[in-house]
């Protein structure tokens, strides 16, 4: 599941796309997730992490 952050558990949100004439159709907003290697319990592990968690330092990257 690529559009789900495994750190903050942020997932997709749904709502309406509203045109200029106010017609409404359903659409989906997905978080910007990246598959990165992070340090979990001292060992590197691949996880889907949103860019907000990467920027704020909630995870430590394994380079």
Protein backbone atom coordinates (compact mmCIF):
# COMPACT_ATOMS: atom_id res chain seq x y z
CA UNK A 1 0.00 0.00 0.00
CA UNK A 2 1.94 2.96 -1.28
CA UNK A 3 -0.29 5.87 -0.28
CA UNK A 4 -0.19 5.29 3.47
CA UNK A 5 2.44 6.62 5.90
CA UNK A 6 3.61 3.91 8.31
CA UNK A 7 4.90 6.50 10.81
CA UNK A 8 2.02 8.94 11.31
CA UNK A 9 -0.65 6.66 9.76
CA UNK A 10 -1.74 9.35 7.31
CA UNK A 11 -3.79 7.88 4.47
CA UNK A 12 -5.88 8.97 1.52
CA UNK A 13 -8.73 11.45 1.96
CA UNK A 14 -11.76 11.74 -0.27
CA UNK A 15 -13.95 14.64 -1.21
CA UNK A 16 -15.48 16.49 -4.12
CA UNK A 17 -13.85 18.01 -7.16
CA UNK A 18 -15.85 21.18 -7.84
CA UNK A 19 -15.84 22.62 -11.35
CA UNK A 20 -16.40 26.24 -12.32
CA UNK A 21 -20.11 25.48 -12.83
CA UNK A 22 -20.24 23.95 -9.30
CA UNK A 23 -20.75 20.38 -10.57
CA UNK A 24 -19.33 17.93 -8.03
CA UNK A 25 -17.56 14.64 -8.69
CA UNK A 26 -15.72 12.44 -6.20
CA UNK A 27 -11.93 12.58 -6.01
CA UNK A 28 -9.09 11.40 -3.78
CA UNK A 29 -6.19 13.24 -2.12
CA UNK A 30 -3.20 11.04 -1.38
CA UNK A 31 -0.21 11.94 0.82
CA UNK A 32 3.22 12.24 -0.78
CA UNK A 33 4.84 9.02 0.41
CA UNK A 34 8.34 7.76 -0.37
CA UNK A 35 9.73 4.26 0.13
CA UNK A 36 12.89 4.85 2.14
CA UNK A 37 15.26 2.88 4.35
CA UNK A 38 14.89 3.96 7.97
CA UNK A 39 16.45 2.84 11.24
CA UNK A 40 13.93 0.87 13.33
CA UNK A 41 15.19 -0.68 16.59
CA UNK A 42 18.79 -0.34 15.41
CA UNK A 43 18.24 -2.14 12.09
CA UNK A 44 17.49 -0.70 8.64
CA UNK A 45 14.02 -1.37 7.27
CA UNK A 46 12.16 -0.20 4.16
CA UNK A 47 9.00 1.74 4.95
CA UNK A 48 6.50 3.99 3.21
CA UNK A 49 6.97 7.39 4.89
CA UNK A 50 5.30 10.69 4.01
CA UNK A 51 7.51 13.66 3.20
CA UNK A 52 6.17 15.59 6.19
CA UNK A 53 7.63 12.94 8.54
CA UNK A 54 10.92 12.93 6.63
CA UNK A 55 11.25 16.71 6.83
CA UNK A 56 10.29 16.99 10.50
CA UNK A 57 12.79 14.31 11.55
CA UNK A 58 10.29 11.75 12.89
CA UNK A 59 12.36 9.00 11.28
CA UNK A 60 16.11 8.50 10.98
CA UNK A 61 17.20 7.56 7.45
CA UNK A 62 19.62 4.71 6.89
CA UNK A 63 22.02 5.81 4.18
